[in-house]
């Protein structure tokens, strides 16, 4: 979602900066376009970083007490990457 939002912001900013050639007295469209392009790049990069981040979950299962050691905690770790999620 954020990658697409970043691209949309960048495209709208580029249109305001390079495609429109009229002057308004109350707003500078070139400046607004550059600001939108910068925001689009930042949102795009943040989206990539969040997508590439590894996800890890820890599950602790209590399965009774072992008479030999007096301990009964089993710990399982699962690690997923964005490629694993369907």
PDB file of N, CA and C in Angstrom:
ATOM      1  N   UNK A   1       0.818  -1.190   0.000  1.00  0.00           N
ATOM      2  CA  UNK A   1       0.000   0.000   0.000  1.00  0.00           C
ATOM      3  C   UNK A   1       0.863   1.256   0.000  1.00  0.00           C
ATOM      4  N   UNK A   2       1.872   1.297   0.863  1.00  0.00           N
ATOM      5  CA  UNK A   2       2.662   2.522   0.949  1.00  0.00           C
ATOM      6  C   UNK A   2       3.558   2.712  -0.276  1.00  0.00           C
ATOM      7  N   UNK A   3       3.947   1.622  -0.910  1.00  0.00           N
ATOM      8  CA  UNK A   3       4.764   1.757  -2.121  1.00  0.00           C
ATOM      9  C   UNK A   3       3.929   2.419  -3.224  1.00  0.00           C
ATOM     10  N   UNK A   4       2.704   1.979  -3.367  1.00  0.00           N
ATOM     11  CA  UNK A   4       1.813   2.580  -4.365  1.00  0.00           C
ATOM     12  C   UNK A   4       1.488   4.032  -4.055  1.00  0.00           C
ATOM     13  N   UNK A   5       1.317   4.330  -2.771  1.00  0.00           N
ATOM     14  CA  UNK A   5       1.057   5.710  -2.374  1.00  0.00           C
ATOM     15  C   UNK A   5       2.243   6.605  -2.695  1.00  0.00           C
ATOM     16  N   UNK A   6       3.448   6.104  -2.457  1.00  0.00           N
ATOM     17  CA  UNK A   6       4.641   6.875  -2.780  1.00  0.00           C
ATOM     18  C   UNK A   6       4.755   7.163  -4.268  1.00  0.00           C
ATOM     19  N   UNK A   7       4.440   6.169  -5.073  1.00  0.00           N
ATOM     20  CA  UNK A   7       4.496   6.361  -6.528  1.00  0.00           C
ATOM     21  C   UNK A   7       3.452   7.380  -6.973  1.00  0.00           C
ATOM     22  N   UNK A   8       2.244   7.299  -6.411  1.00  0.00           N
ATOM     23  CA  UNK A   8       1.180   8.243  -6.780  1.00  0.00           C
ATOM     24  C   UNK A   8       1.569   9.664  -6.398  1.00  0.00           C
ATOM     25  N   UNK A   9       2.105   9.852  -5.181  1.00  0.00           N
ATOM     26  CA  UNK A   9       2.539  11.184  -4.766  1.00  0.00           C
ATOM     27  C   UNK A   9       3.627  11.729  -5.689  1.00  0.00           C
ATOM     28  N   UNK A  10       4.569  10.882  -6.059  1.00  0.00           N
ATOM     29  CA  UNK A  10       5.646  11.314  -6.946  1.00  0.00           C
ATOM     30  C   UNK A  10       5.107  11.719  -8.310  1.00  0.00           C
ATOM     31  N   UNK A  11       4.185  10.939  -8.853  1.00  0.00           N
ATOM     32  CA  UNK A  11       3.631  11.235 -10.185  1.00  0.00           C
ATOM     33  C   UNK A  11       2.825  12.531 -10.157  1.00  0.00           C
ATOM     34  N   UNK A  12       2.003  12.718  -9.123  1.00  0.00           N
ATOM     35  CA  UNK A  12       1.231  13.962  -9.025  1.00  0.00           C
ATOM     36  C   UNK A  12       2.170  15.164  -8.893  1.00  0.00           C
ATOM     37  N   UNK A  13       3.229  15.011  -8.101  1.00  0.00           N
ATOM     38  CA  UNK A  13       4.205  16.087  -7.963  1.00  0.00           C
ATOM     39  C   UNK A  13       4.913  16.402  -9.269  1.00  0.00           C
ATOM     40  N   UNK A  14       5.254  15.357 -10.031  1.00  0.00           N
ATOM     41  CA  UNK A  14       5.907  15.581 -11.324  1.00  0.00           C
ATOM     42  C   UNK A  14       4.966  16.277 -12.304  1.00  0.00           C
ATOM     43  N   UNK A  15       3.699  15.919 -12.271  1.00  0.00           N
ATOM     44  CA  UNK A  15       2.735  16.581 -13.156  1.00  0.00           C
ATOM     45  C   UNK A  15       2.614  18.056 -12.787  1.00  0.00           C
ATOM     46  N   UNK A  16       2.511  18.348 -11.484  1.00  0.00           N
ATOM     47  CA  UNK A  16       2.408  19.748 -11.065  1.00  0.00           C
ATOM     48  C   UNK A  16       3.654  20.546 -11.423  1.00  0.00           C
ATOM     49  N   UNK A  17       4.815  19.913 -11.335  1.00  0.00           N
ATOM     50  CA  UNK A  17       6.065  20.633 -11.578  1.00  0.00           C
ATOM     51  C   UNK A  17       6.357  20.803 -13.064  1.00  0.00           C
ATOM     52  N   UNK A  18       6.242  19.743 -13.832  1.00  0.00           N
ATOM     53  CA  UNK A  18       6.738  19.766 -15.208  1.00  0.00           C
ATOM     54  C   UNK A  18       5.654  19.890 -16.281  1.00  0.00           C
ATOM     55  N   UNK A  19       4.423  19.485 -16.000  1.00  0.00           N
ATOM     56  CA  UNK A  19       3.418  19.453 -17.058  1.00  0.00           C
ATOM     57  C   UNK A  19       2.514  20.681 -17.076  1.00  0.00           C
ATOM     58  N   UNK A  20       2.306  21.302 -15.937  1.00  0.00           N
ATOM     59  CA  UNK A  20       1.420  22.461 -15.895  1.00  0.00           C
ATOM     60  C   UNK A  20       2.230  23.740 -16.053  1.00  0.00           C
ATOM     61  N   UNK A  21       1.782  24.615 -16.957  1.00  0.00           N
ATOM     62  CA  UNK A  21       2.513  25.848 -17.243  1.00  0.00           C
ATOM     63  C   UNK A  21       1.642  27.083 -17.056  1.00  0.00           C
ATOM     64  N   UNK A  22       0.975  27.183 -15.924  1.00  0.00           N
ATOM     65  CA  UNK A  22       0.243  28.412 -15.663  1.00  0.00           C
ATOM     66  C   UNK A  22       0.567  28.904 -14.256  1.00  0.00           C
ATOM     67  N   UNK A  23       0.429  30.202 -14.095  1.00  0.00           N
ATOM     68  CA  UNK A  23       0.792  30.865 -12.846  1.00  0.00           C
ATOM     69  C   UNK A  23      -0.454  31.126 -12.009  1.00  0.00           C
ATOM     70  N   UNK A  24      -0.332  30.936 -10.738  1.00  0.00           N
ATOM     71  CA  UNK A  24      -1.377  31.322  -9.803  1.00  0.00           C
ATOM     72  C   UNK A  24      -0.778  32.316  -8.819  1.00  0.00           C
ATOM     73  N   UNK A  25      -1.565  33.256  -8.361  1.00  0.00           N
ATOM     74  CA  UNK A  25      -1.056  34.299  -7.484  1.00  0.00           C
ATOM     75  C   UNK A  25      -0.910  33.865  -6.043  1.00  0.00           C
ATOM     76  N   UNK A  26      -1.608  32.833  -5.651  1.00  0.00           N
ATOM     77  CA  UNK A  26      -1.620  32.476  -4.236  1.00  0.00           C
ATOM     78  C   UNK A  26      -0.819  31.223  -3.905  1.00  0.00           C
ATOM     79  N   UNK A  27      -0.387  30.427  -4.914  1.00  0.00           N
ATOM     80  CA  UNK A  27       0.369  29.205  -4.638  1.00  0.00           C
ATOM     81  C   UNK A  27       1.374  28.966  -5.762  1.00  0.00           C
ATOM     82  N   UNK A  28       2.543  28.506  -5.389  1.00  0.00           N
ATOM     83  CA  UNK A  28       3.578  28.167  -6.359  1.00  0.00           C
ATOM     84  C   UNK A  28       3.469  26.670  -6.654  1.00  0.00           C
ATOM     85  N   UNK A  29       2.957  26.327  -7.832  1.00  0.00           N
ATOM     86  CA  UNK A  29       2.733  24.926  -8.171  1.00  0.00           C
ATOM     87  C   UNK A  29       4.027  24.137  -8.311  1.00  0.00           C
ATOM     88  N   UNK A  30       5.104  24.797  -8.737  1.00  0.00           N
ATOM     89  CA  UNK A  30       6.389  24.101  -8.828  1.00  0.00           C
ATOM     90  C   UNK A  30       6.856  23.645  -7.452  1.00  0.00           C
ATOM     91  N   UNK A  31       6.734  24.508  -6.461  1.00  0.00           N
ATOM     92  CA  UNK A  31       7.154  24.155  -5.107  1.00  0.00           C
ATOM     93  C   UNK A  31       6.294  23.032  -4.538  1.00  0.00           C
ATOM     94  N   UNK A  32       4.993  23.103  -4.750  1.00  0.00           N
ATOM     95  CA  UNK A  32       4.104  22.048  -4.285  1.00  0.00           C
ATOM     96  C   UNK A  32       4.455  20.719  -4.964  1.00  0.00           C
ATOM     97  N   UNK A  33       4.773  20.774  -6.245  1.00  0.00           N
ATOM     98  CA  UNK A  33       5.165  19.564  -6.965  1.00  0.00           C
ATOM     99  C   UNK A  33       6.444  18.963  -6.431  1.00  0.00           C
ATOM    100  N   UNK A  34       7.436  19.796  -6.148  1.00  0.00           N
ATOM    101  CA  UNK A  34       8.688  19.279  -5.583  1.00  0.00           C
ATOM    102  C   UNK A  34       8.467  18.691  -4.196  1.00  0.00           C
ATOM    103  N   UNK A  35       7.617  19.314  -3.405  1.00  0.00           N
ATOM    104  CA  UNK A  35       7.320  18.784  -2.073  1.00  0.00           C
ATOM    105  C   UNK A  35       6.625  17.420  -2.187  1.00  0.00           C
ATOM    106  N   UNK A  36       5.675  17.305  -3.104  1.00  0.00           N
ATOM    107  CA  UNK A  36       4.991  16.028  -3.285  1.00  0.00           C
ATOM    108  C   UNK A  36       5.930  14.949  -3.800  1.00  0.00           C
ATOM    109  N   UNK A  37       6.849  15.323  -4.699  1.00  0.00           N
ATOM    110  CA  UNK A  37       7.815  14.331  -5.182  1.00  0.00           C
ATOM    111  C   UNK A  37       8.731  13.863  -4.049  1.00  0.00           C
ATOM    112  N   UNK A  38       9.168  14.783  -3.208  1.00  0.00           N
ATOM    113  CA  UNK A  38      10.004  14.404  -2.072  1.00  0.00           C
ATOM    114  C   UNK A  38       9.252  13.508  -1.098  1.00  0.00           C
ATOM    115  N   UNK A  39       8.007  13.844  -0.818  1.00  0.00           N
ATOM    116  CA  UNK A  39       7.196  13.010   0.072  1.00  0.00           C
ATOM    117  C   UNK A  39       6.960  11.630  -0.539  1.00  0.00           C
ATOM    118  N   UNK A  40       6.766  11.578  -1.846  1.00  0.00           N
ATOM    119  CA  UNK A  40       6.584  10.292  -2.516  1.00  0.00           C
ATOM    120  C   UNK A  40       7.806   9.403  -2.410  1.00  0.00           C
ATOM    121  N   UNK A  41       8.985   9.989  -2.561  1.00  0.00           N
ATOM    122  CA  UNK A  41      10.222   9.202  -2.434  1.00  0.00           C
ATOM    123  C   UNK A  41      10.364   8.681  -1.004  1.00  0.00           C
ATOM    124  N   UNK A  42      10.082   9.525  -0.014  1.00  0.00           N
ATOM    125  CA  UNK A  42      10.207   9.101   1.384  1.00  0.00           C
ATOM    126  C   UNK A  42       9.219   7.977   1.706  1.00  0.00           C
ATOM    127  N   UNK A  43       7.976   8.109   1.276  1.00  0.00           N
ATOM    128  CA  UNK A  43       6.972   7.075   1.529  1.00  0.00           C
ATOM    129  C   UNK A  43       7.351   5.782   0.807  1.00  0.00           C
ATOM    130  N   UNK A  44       7.873   5.875  -0.401  1.00  0.00           N
ATOM    131  CA  UNK A  44       8.297   4.698  -1.153  1.00  0.00           C
ATOM    132  C   UNK A  44       9.418   3.963  -0.433  1.00  0.00           C
ATOM    133  N   UNK A  45      10.422   4.685   0.043  1.00  0.00           N
ATOM    134  CA  UNK A  45      11.559   4.067   0.739  1.00  0.00           C
ATOM    135  C   UNK A  45      11.099   3.420   2.044  1.00  0.00           C
ATOM    136  N   UNK A  46      10.233   4.108   2.795  1.00  0.00           N
ATOM    137  CA  UNK A  46       9.723   3.524   4.038  1.00  0.00           C
ATOM    138  C   UNK A  46       8.939   2.240   3.739  1.00  0.00           C
ATOM    139  N   UNK A  47       8.163   2.242   2.674  1.00  0.00           N
ATOM    140  CA  UNK A  47       7.426   1.040   2.278  1.00  0.00           C
ATOM    141  C   UNK A  47       8.343  -0.114   1.937  1.00  0.00           C
ATOM    142  N   UNK A  48       9.444   0.172   1.238  1.00  0.00           N
ATOM    143  CA  UNK A  48      10.404  -0.884   0.919  1.00  0.00           C
ATOM    144  C   UNK A  48      11.064  -1.439   2.169  1.00  0.00           C
ATOM    145  N   UNK A  49      11.444  -0.557   3.084  1.00  0.00           N
ATOM    146  CA  UNK A  49      12.097  -1.003   4.319  1.00  0.00           C
ATOM    147  C   UNK A  49      11.154  -1.885   5.132  1.00  0.00           C
ATOM    148  N   UNK A  50       9.903  -1.476   5.256  1.00  0.00           N
ATOM    149  CA  UNK A  50       8.952  -2.280   6.016  1.00  0.00           C
ATOM    150  C   UNK A  50       8.649  -3.605   5.339  1.00  0.00           C
ATOM    151  N   UNK A  51       8.675  -3.639   4.026  1.00  0.00           N
ATOM    152  CA  UNK A  51       8.408  -4.877   3.318  1.00  0.00           C
ATOM    153  C   UNK A  51       9.574  -5.870   3.453  1.00  0.00           C
ATOM    154  N   UNK A  52      10.791  -5.361   3.505  1.00  0.00           N
ATOM    155  CA  UNK A  52      11.964  -6.225   3.570  1.00  0.00           C
ATOM    156  C   UNK A  52      12.287  -6.694   4.993  1.00  0.00           C
ATOM    157  N   UNK A  53      11.634  -6.102   5.975  1.00  0.00           N
ATOM    158  CA  UNK A  53      11.909  -6.449   7.363  1.00  0.00           C
ATOM    159  C   UNK A  53      11.480  -7.885   7.655  1.00  0.00           C
ATOM    160  N   UNK A  54      12.316  -8.593   8.411  1.00  0.00           N
ATOM    161  CA  UNK A  54      11.970  -9.954   8.789  1.00  0.00           C
ATOM    162  C   UNK A  54      10.952  -9.933   9.909  1.00  0.00           C
ATOM    163  N   UNK A  55      10.025 -10.853   9.836  1.00  0.00           N
ATOM    164  CA  UNK A  55       9.053 -11.010  10.904  1.00  0.00           C
ATOM    165  C   UNK A  55       9.393 -12.273  11.678  1.00  0.00           C
ATOM    166  N   UNK A  56       9.353 -12.178  12.995  1.00  0.00           N
ATOM    167  CA  UNK A  56       9.681 -13.315  13.827  1.00  0.00           C
ATOM    168  C   UNK A  56       8.683 -13.404  14.972  1.00  0.00           C
ATOM    169  N   UNK A  57       8.262 -14.609  15.272  1.00  0.00           N
ATOM    170  CA  UNK A  57       7.358 -14.807  16.397  1.00  0.00           C
ATOM    171  C   UNK A  57       7.910 -15.907  17.281  1.00  0.00           C
ATOM    172  N   UNK A  58       7.694 -15.777  18.586  1.00  0.00           N
ATOM    173  CA  UNK A  58       8.148 -16.763  19.559  1.00  0.00           C
ATOM    174  C   UNK A  58       6.922 -17.342  20.241  1.00  0.00           C
ATOM    175  N   UNK A  59       6.831 -18.677  20.252  1.00  0.00           N
ATOM    176  CA  UNK A  59       5.734 -19.361  20.901  1.00  0.00           C
ATOM    177  C   UNK A  59       6.292 -20.183  22.047  1.00  0.00           C
ATOM    178  N   UNK A  60       5.785 -19.971  23.241  1.00  0.00           N
ATOM    179  CA  UNK A  60       6.209 -20.744  24.399  1.00  0.00           C
ATOM    180  C   UNK A  60       5.088 -21.705  24.764  1.00  0.00           C
ATOM    181  N   UNK A  61       5.427 -23.003  24.843  1.00  0.00           N
ATOM    182  CA  UNK A  61       4.449 -24.037  25.127  1.00  0.00           C
ATOM    183  C   UNK A  61       4.829 -24.711  26.433  1.00  0.00           C
ATOM    184  N   UNK A  62       3.909 -24.740  27.384  1.00  0.00           N
ATOM    185  CA  UNK A  62       4.118 -25.458  28.635  1.00  0.00           C
ATOM    186  C   UNK A  62       3.542 -26.852  28.447  1.00  0.00           C
ATOM    187  N   UNK A  63       4.403 -27.863  28.510  1.00  0.00           N
ATOM    188  CA  UNK A  63       3.943 -29.219  28.218  1.00  0.00           C
ATOM    189  C   UNK A  63       4.095 -30.146  29.414  1.00  0.00           C
ATOM    190  N   UNK A  64       3.975 -29.641  30.603  1.00  0.00           N
ATOM    191  CA  UNK A  64       4.105 -30.484  31.788  1.00  0.00           C
ATOM    192  C   UNK A  64       5.526 -30.432  32.330  1.00  0.00           C
ATOM    193  N   UNK A  65       5.712 -31.024  33.480  1.00  0.00           N
ATOM    194  CA  UNK A  65       7.029 -31.000  34.139  1.00  0.00           C
ATOM    195  C   UNK A  65       7.735 -32.320  33.905  1.00  0.00           C
ATOM    196  N   UNK A  66       8.985 -32.229  33.475  1.00  0.00           N
ATOM    197  CA  UNK A  66       9.837 -33.398  33.287  1.00  0.00           C
ATOM    198  C   UNK A  66      10.377 -33.815  34.660  1.00  0.00           C
ATOM    199  N   UNK A  67      10.128 -35.039  35.079  1.00  0.00           N
ATOM    200  CA  UNK A  67      10.578 -35.434  36.412  1.00  0.00           C
ATOM    201  C   UNK A  67      12.104 -35.428  36.569  1.00  0.00           C
ATOM    202  N   UNK A  68      12.845 -35.636  35.498  1.00  0.00           N
ATOM    203  CA  UNK A  68      14.299 -35.705  35.600  1.00  0.00           C
ATOM    204  C   UNK A  68      14.916 -34.323  35.820  1.00  0.00           C
ATOM    205  N   UNK A  69      14.410 -33.328  35.112  1.00  0.00           N
ATOM    206  CA  UNK A  69      15.012 -31.996  35.202  1.00  0.00           C
ATOM    207  C   UNK A  69      14.158 -31.010  35.971  1.00  0.00           C
ATOM    208  N   UNK A  70      12.921 -31.304  36.171  1.00  0.00           N
ATOM    209  CA  UNK A  70      12.022 -30.388  36.851  1.00  0.00           C
ATOM    210  C   UNK A  70      11.570 -29.239  35.964  1.00  0.00           C
ATOM    211  N   UNK A  71      11.865 -29.294  34.694  1.00  0.00           N
ATOM    212  CA  UNK A  71      11.509 -28.232  33.763  1.00  0.00           C
ATOM    213  C   UNK A  71      10.570 -28.777  32.710  1.00  0.00           C
ATOM    214  N   UNK A  72       9.680 -27.934  32.260  1.00  0.00           N
ATOM    215  CA  UNK A  72       8.745 -28.396  31.250  1.00  0.00           C
ATOM    216  C   UNK A  72       8.392 -27.350  30.225  1.00  0.00           C
ATOM    217  N   UNK A  73       9.268 -26.436  29.969  1.00  0.00           N
ATOM    218  CA  UNK A  73       8.976 -25.361  29.032  1.00  0.00           C
ATOM    219  C   UNK A  73       9.640 -25.681  27.700  1.00  0.00           C
ATOM    220  N   UNK A  74       8.865 -25.653  26.663  1.00  0.00           N
ATOM    221  CA  UNK A  74       9.373 -25.857  25.317  1.00  0.00           C
ATOM    222  C   UNK A  74       9.202 -24.548  24.557  1.00  0.00           C
ATOM    223  N   UNK A  75      10.226 -24.113  23.866  1.00  0.00           N
ATOM    224  CA  UNK A  75      10.156 -22.857  23.126  1.00  0.00           C
ATOM    225  C   UNK A  75      10.383 -23.129  21.651  1.00  0.00           C
ATOM    226  N   UNK A  76       9.485 -22.595  20.829  1.00  0.00           N
ATOM    227  CA  UNK A  76       9.619 -22.724  19.381  1.00  0.00           C
ATOM    228  C   UNK A  76       9.738 -21.344  18.774  1.00  0.00           C
ATOM    229  N   UNK A  77      10.646 -21.181  17.842  1.00  0.00           N
ATOM    230  CA  UNK A  77      10.804 -19.911  17.135  1.00  0.00           C
ATOM    231  C   UNK A  77      10.481 -20.135  15.663  1.00  0.00           C
ATOM    232  N   UNK A  78       9.651 -19.267  15.157  1.00  0.00           N
ATOM    233  CA  UNK A  78       9.348 -19.314  13.724  1.00  0.00           C
ATOM    234  C   UNK A  78       9.734 -17.975  13.126  1.00  0.00           C
ATOM    235  N   UNK A  79      10.331 -18.029  11.975  1.00  0.00           N
ATOM    236  CA  UNK A  79      10.764 -16.821  11.299  1.00  0.00           C
ATOM    237  C   UNK A  79      10.203 -16.822   9.898  1.00  0.00           C
ATOM    238  N   UNK A  80       9.534 -15.742   9.527  1.00  0.00           N
ATOM    239  CA  UNK A  80       8.969 -15.646   8.185  1.00  0.00           C
ATOM    240  C   UNK A  80       9.516 -14.400   7.514  1.00  0.00           C
ATOM    241  N   UNK A  81       9.677 -14.492   6.247  1.00  0.00           N
ATOM    242  CA  UNK A  81      10.061 -13.351   5.435  1.00  0.00           C
ATOM    243  C   UNK A  81       8.881 -13.022   4.539  1.00  0.00           C
ATOM    244  N   UNK A  82       8.869 -11.842   3.938  1.00  0.00           N
ATOM    245  CA  UNK A  82       7.732 -11.498   3.065  1.00  0.00           C
ATOM    246  C   UNK A  82       7.530 -12.481   1.917  1.00  0.00           C
ATOM    247  N   UNK A  83       8.575 -13.223   1.533  1.00  0.00           N
ATOM    248  CA  UNK A  83       8.428 -14.213   0.472  1.00  0.00           C
ATOM    249  C   UNK A  83       7.597 -15.403   0.923  1.00  0.00           C
ATOM    250  N   UNK A  84       7.623 -15.693   2.263  1.00  0.00           N
ATOM    251  CA  UNK A  84       6.897 -16.834   2.789  1.00  0.00           C
ATOM    252  C   UNK A  84       5.408 -16.566   2.897  1.00  0.00           C
ATOM    253  N   UNK A  85       5.009 -15.319   3.048  1.00  0.00           N
ATOM    254  CA  UNK A  85       3.612 -14.972   3.244  1.00  0.00           C
ATOM    255  C   UNK A  85       2.902 -14.978   1.905  1.00  0.00           C
ATOM    256  N   UNK A  86       1.780 -15.672   1.844  1.00  0.00           N
ATOM    257  CA  UNK A  86       1.018 -15.771   0.598  1.00  0.00           C
ATOM    258  C   UNK A  86      -0.232 -14.962   0.699  1.00  0.00           C
TER     259      UNK A  86
END
